[in-house]
Amino acid sequence: MEAVDGVNVEIDRIFAAKEQRRQALARLPFPEKVRAVIELQKMAATILRARGKMVRSWNVSATNEESPRASRLSPTKK
């Protein structure tokens, strides 16, 4: 079975872009990754609520690097 002209080239381009995106996301700092998860939770929550499910996404303020709670959780030197 022969590929239609340009289809394999386009598929290769899509997979290369997908890999580049994956690598860029992997390089993000942890707080940015958590923020991305929270945004995904918000998007999913809209759909789930429409289906009658009770859902709650994580609290954004808990991911704030300047949060007082975050400073209490960091290890301290003795």
N, C-alpha and C. Protein backbone atom coordinates (compact mmCIF):
# COMPACT_ATOMS: atom_id res chain seq x y z
N MET A 1 0.85 -1.18 0.00
CA MET A 1 0.00 0.00 0.00
C MET A 1 0.89 1.24 0.00
N GLU A 2 0.71 2.09 -0.98
CA GLU A 2 1.51 3.30 -1.08
C GLU A 2 0.83 4.46 -0.37
N ALA A 3 1.66 5.28 0.26
CA ALA A 3 1.13 6.46 0.95
C ALA A 3 0.75 7.53 -0.06
N VAL A 4 -0.25 8.28 0.28
CA VAL A 4 -0.66 9.41 -0.55
C VAL A 4 0.46 10.45 -0.47
N ASP A 5 0.70 11.15 -1.58
CA ASP A 5 1.77 12.14 -1.62
C ASP A 5 1.73 13.08 -0.43
N GLY A 6 2.85 13.17 0.27
CA GLY A 6 2.99 14.11 1.36
C GLY A 6 2.45 13.64 2.70
N VAL A 7 1.73 12.53 2.74
CA VAL A 7 1.13 12.08 3.99
C VAL A 7 2.22 11.64 4.97
N ASN A 8 3.17 10.85 4.51
CA ASN A 8 4.24 10.40 5.41
C ASN A 8 5.06 11.58 5.92
N VAL A 9 5.29 12.55 5.08
CA VAL A 9 6.04 13.74 5.48
C VAL A 9 5.27 14.48 6.57
N GLU A 10 3.98 14.62 6.38
CA GLU A 10 3.15 15.32 7.37
C GLU A 10 3.09 14.54 8.68
N ILE A 11 2.98 13.24 8.61
CA ILE A 11 2.95 12.41 9.83
C ILE A 11 4.28 12.53 10.56
N ASP A 12 5.38 12.49 9.84
CA ASP A 12 6.70 12.68 10.46
C ASP A 12 6.81 14.03 11.13
N ARG A 13 6.28 15.07 10.49
CA ARG A 13 6.31 16.42 11.07
C ARG A 13 5.48 16.47 12.36
N ILE A 14 4.32 15.84 12.33
CA ILE A 14 3.45 15.82 13.52
C ILE A 14 4.13 15.10 14.68
N PHE A 15 4.72 13.95 14.41
CA PHE A 15 5.40 13.21 15.48
C PHE A 15 6.62 13.96 16.01
N ALA A 16 7.34 14.65 15.13
CA ALA A 16 8.49 15.44 15.58
C ALA A 16 8.03 16.59 16.47
N ALA A 17 6.95 17.25 16.07
CA ALA A 17 6.42 18.35 16.89
C ALA A 17 5.92 17.83 18.23
N LYS A 18 5.31 16.66 18.21
CA LYS A 18 4.82 16.06 19.46
C LYS A 18 5.99 15.76 20.41
N GLU A 19 7.06 15.25 19.87
CA GLU A 19 8.24 14.95 20.68
C GLU A 19 8.87 16.22 21.23
N GLN A 20 8.95 17.27 20.41
CA GLN A 20 9.49 18.55 20.88
C GLN A 20 8.64 19.12 22.00
N ARG A 21 7.33 19.03 21.85
CA ARG A 21 6.42 19.52 22.90
C ARG A 21 6.61 18.72 24.20
N ARG A 22 6.74 17.40 24.07
CA ARG A 22 6.94 16.55 25.24
C ARG A 22 8.23 16.92 25.96
N GLN A 23 9.30 17.16 25.20
CA GLN A 23 10.58 17.54 25.78
C GLN A 23 10.48 18.91 26.47
N ALA A 24 9.76 19.84 25.85
CA ALA A 24 9.60 21.18 26.45
C ALA A 24 8.82 21.08 27.76
N LEU A 25 7.78 20.27 27.79
CA LEU A 25 7.01 20.10 29.02
C LEU A 25 7.85 19.42 30.10
N ALA A 26 8.69 18.48 29.71
CA ALA A 26 9.54 17.79 30.68
C ALA A 26 10.55 18.74 31.32
N ARG A 27 10.96 19.77 30.60
CA ARG A 27 11.92 20.74 31.13
C ARG A 27 11.29 21.79 32.04
N LEU A 28 9.97 21.86 32.10
CA LEU A 28 9.32 22.85 32.95
C LEU A 28 9.65 22.61 34.42
N PRO A 29 9.74 23.67 35.21
CA PRO A 29 9.91 23.49 36.65
C PRO A 29 8.66 22.84 37.24
N PHE A 30 8.84 22.17 38.37
CA PHE A 30 7.75 21.44 38.99
C PHE A 30 6.51 22.29 39.23
N PRO A 31 6.62 23.51 39.77
CA PRO A 31 5.40 24.31 39.99
C PRO A 31 4.61 24.57 38.71
N GLU A 32 5.30 24.73 37.59
CA GLU A 32 4.61 24.94 36.31
C GLU A 32 3.87 23.66 35.90
N LYS A 33 4.46 22.52 36.17
CA LYS A 33 3.80 21.24 35.85
C LYS A 33 2.53 21.09 36.67
N VAL A 34 2.60 21.48 37.94
CA VAL A 34 1.42 21.38 38.81
C VAL A 34 0.34 22.33 38.31
N ARG A 35 0.73 23.53 37.90
CA ARG A 35 -0.26 24.48 37.37
C ARG A 35 -0.93 23.91 36.11
N ALA A 36 -0.17 23.22 35.28
CA ALA A 36 -0.73 22.61 34.08
C ALA A 36 -1.75 21.53 34.46
N VAL A 37 -1.44 20.74 35.47
CA VAL A 37 -2.36 19.70 35.94
C VAL A 37 -3.65 20.35 36.45
N ILE A 38 -3.52 21.44 37.18
CA ILE A 38 -4.70 22.13 37.71
C ILE A 38 -5.58 22.63 36.56
N GLU A 39 -4.96 23.17 35.53
CA GLU A 39 -5.75 23.63 34.38
C GLU A 39 -6.47 22.47 33.71
N LEU A 40 -5.81 21.32 33.59
CA LEU A 40 -6.45 20.14 33.02
C LEU A 40 -7.61 19.68 33.90
N GLN A 41 -7.42 19.75 35.22
CA GLN A 41 -8.48 19.37 36.15
C GLN A 41 -9.70 20.28 35.97
N LYS A 42 -9.46 21.56 35.79
CA LYS A 42 -10.57 22.51 35.60
C LYS A 42 -11.34 22.18 34.32
N MET A 43 -10.61 21.84 33.26
CA MET A 43 -11.28 21.51 32.00
C MET A 43 -12.10 20.23 32.15
N ALA A 44 -11.53 19.24 32.81
CA ALA A 44 -12.24 17.97 33.01
C ALA A 44 -13.43 18.16 33.95
N ALA A 45 -13.29 19.04 34.94
CA ALA A 45 -14.35 19.26 35.91
C ALA A 45 -15.61 19.78 35.23
N THR A 46 -15.45 20.63 34.25
CA THR A 46 -16.60 21.16 33.52
C THR A 46 -17.40 20.04 32.88
N ILE A 47 -16.70 19.12 32.26
CA ILE A 47 -17.36 17.99 31.60
C ILE A 47 -17.99 17.06 32.64
N LEU A 48 -17.25 16.76 33.70
CA LEU A 48 -17.76 15.85 34.72
C LEU A 48 -18.97 16.42 35.45
N ARG A 49 -18.95 17.72 35.72
CA ARG A 49 -20.12 18.35 36.37
C ARG A 49 -21.35 18.28 35.47
N ALA A 50 -21.13 18.43 34.17
CA ALA A 50 -22.25 18.33 33.22
C ALA A 50 -22.84 16.92 33.24
N ARG A 51 -22.04 15.95 33.62
CA ARG A 51 -22.52 14.56 33.73
C ARG A 51 -23.09 14.26 35.11
N GLY A 52 -23.13 15.29 35.98
CA GLY A 52 -23.73 15.11 37.30
C GLY A 52 -22.77 14.63 38.38
N LYS A 53 -21.49 14.64 38.11
CA LYS A 53 -20.51 14.20 39.11
C LYS A 53 -20.02 15.40 39.91
N MET A 54 -19.74 15.15 41.18
CA MET A 54 -19.18 16.21 42.03
C MET A 54 -17.66 16.10 41.98
N VAL A 55 -17.01 17.15 41.53
CA VAL A 55 -15.55 17.15 41.43
C VAL A 55 -15.00 18.46 41.96
N ARG A 56 -13.74 18.43 42.33
CA ARG A 56 -13.06 19.63 42.82
C ARG A 56 -11.60 19.56 42.38
N SER A 57 -11.12 20.63 41.75
CA SER A 57 -9.72 20.66 41.35
C SER A 57 -8.86 21.14 42.51
N TRP A 58 -7.57 20.94 42.39
CA TRP A 58 -6.65 21.37 43.43
C TRP A 58 -6.71 22.88 43.60
N ASN A 59 -6.29 23.35 44.76
CA ASN A 59 -6.27 24.77 45.07
C ASN A 59 -5.02 25.40 44.46
N VAL A 60 -5.21 26.41 43.64
CA VAL A 60 -4.09 27.06 42.95
C VAL A 60 -3.15 27.73 43.94
N SER A 61 -3.68 28.33 44.99
CA SER A 61 -2.83 29.06 45.93
C SER A 61 -1.84 28.12 46.62
N ALA A 62 -2.14 26.84 46.68
CA ALA A 62 -1.22 25.89 47.31
C ALA A 62 0.04 25.69 46.47
N THR A 63 0.01 26.09 45.21
CA THR A 63 1.18 25.94 44.35
C THR A 63 2.00 27.21 44.26
N ASN A 64 1.57 28.26 44.92
CA ASN A 64 2.28 29.53 44.89
C ASN A 64 3.61 29.39 45.62
N GLU A 65 4.71 29.68 44.94
CA GLU A 65 6.03 29.52 45.53
C GLU A 65 6.24 30.42 46.74
N GLU A 66 5.51 31.52 46.82
CA GLU A 66 5.67 32.44 47.92
C GLU A 66 4.67 32.16 49.03
N SER A 67 4.00 31.04 48.96
CA SER A 67 3.00 30.68 49.95
C SER A 67 3.65 30.42 51.31
N PRO A 68 3.08 30.90 52.39
CA PRO A 68 3.64 30.64 53.72
C PRO A 68 3.71 29.15 54.02
N ARG A 69 2.73 28.41 53.56
CA ARG A 69 2.72 26.97 53.82
C ARG A 69 3.90 26.30 53.11
N ALA A 70 4.22 26.76 51.90
CA ALA A 70 5.34 26.19 51.16
C ALA A 70 6.65 26.37 51.91
N SER A 71 6.81 27.51 52.56
CA SER A 71 8.05 27.75 53.29
C SER A 71 8.14 26.86 54.53
N ARG A 72 7.00 26.52 55.13
CA ARG A 72 7.01 25.63 56.29
C ARG A 72 7.36 24.21 55.90
N LEU A 73 7.03 23.84 54.65
CA LEU A 73 7.29 22.49 54.20
C LEU A 73 8.71 22.27 53.73
N SER A 74 9.43 23.34 53.46
CA SER A 74 10.79 23.18 52.99
C SER A 74 11.68 22.74 54.14
N PRO A 75 12.66 21.92 53.84
CA PRO A 75 13.56 21.45 54.91
C PRO A 75 14.36 22.59 55.50
N THR A 76 14.61 22.49 56.78
CA THR A 76 15.37 23.54 57.45
C THR A 76 16.72 22.98 57.87
N LYS A 77 17.72 23.84 57.87
CA LYS A 77 19.05 23.42 58.31
C LYS A 77 19.14 23.57 59.81
N LYS A 78 19.77 22.62 60.44
CA LYS A 78 19.93 22.67 61.90
C LYS A 78 21.34 22.98 62.28
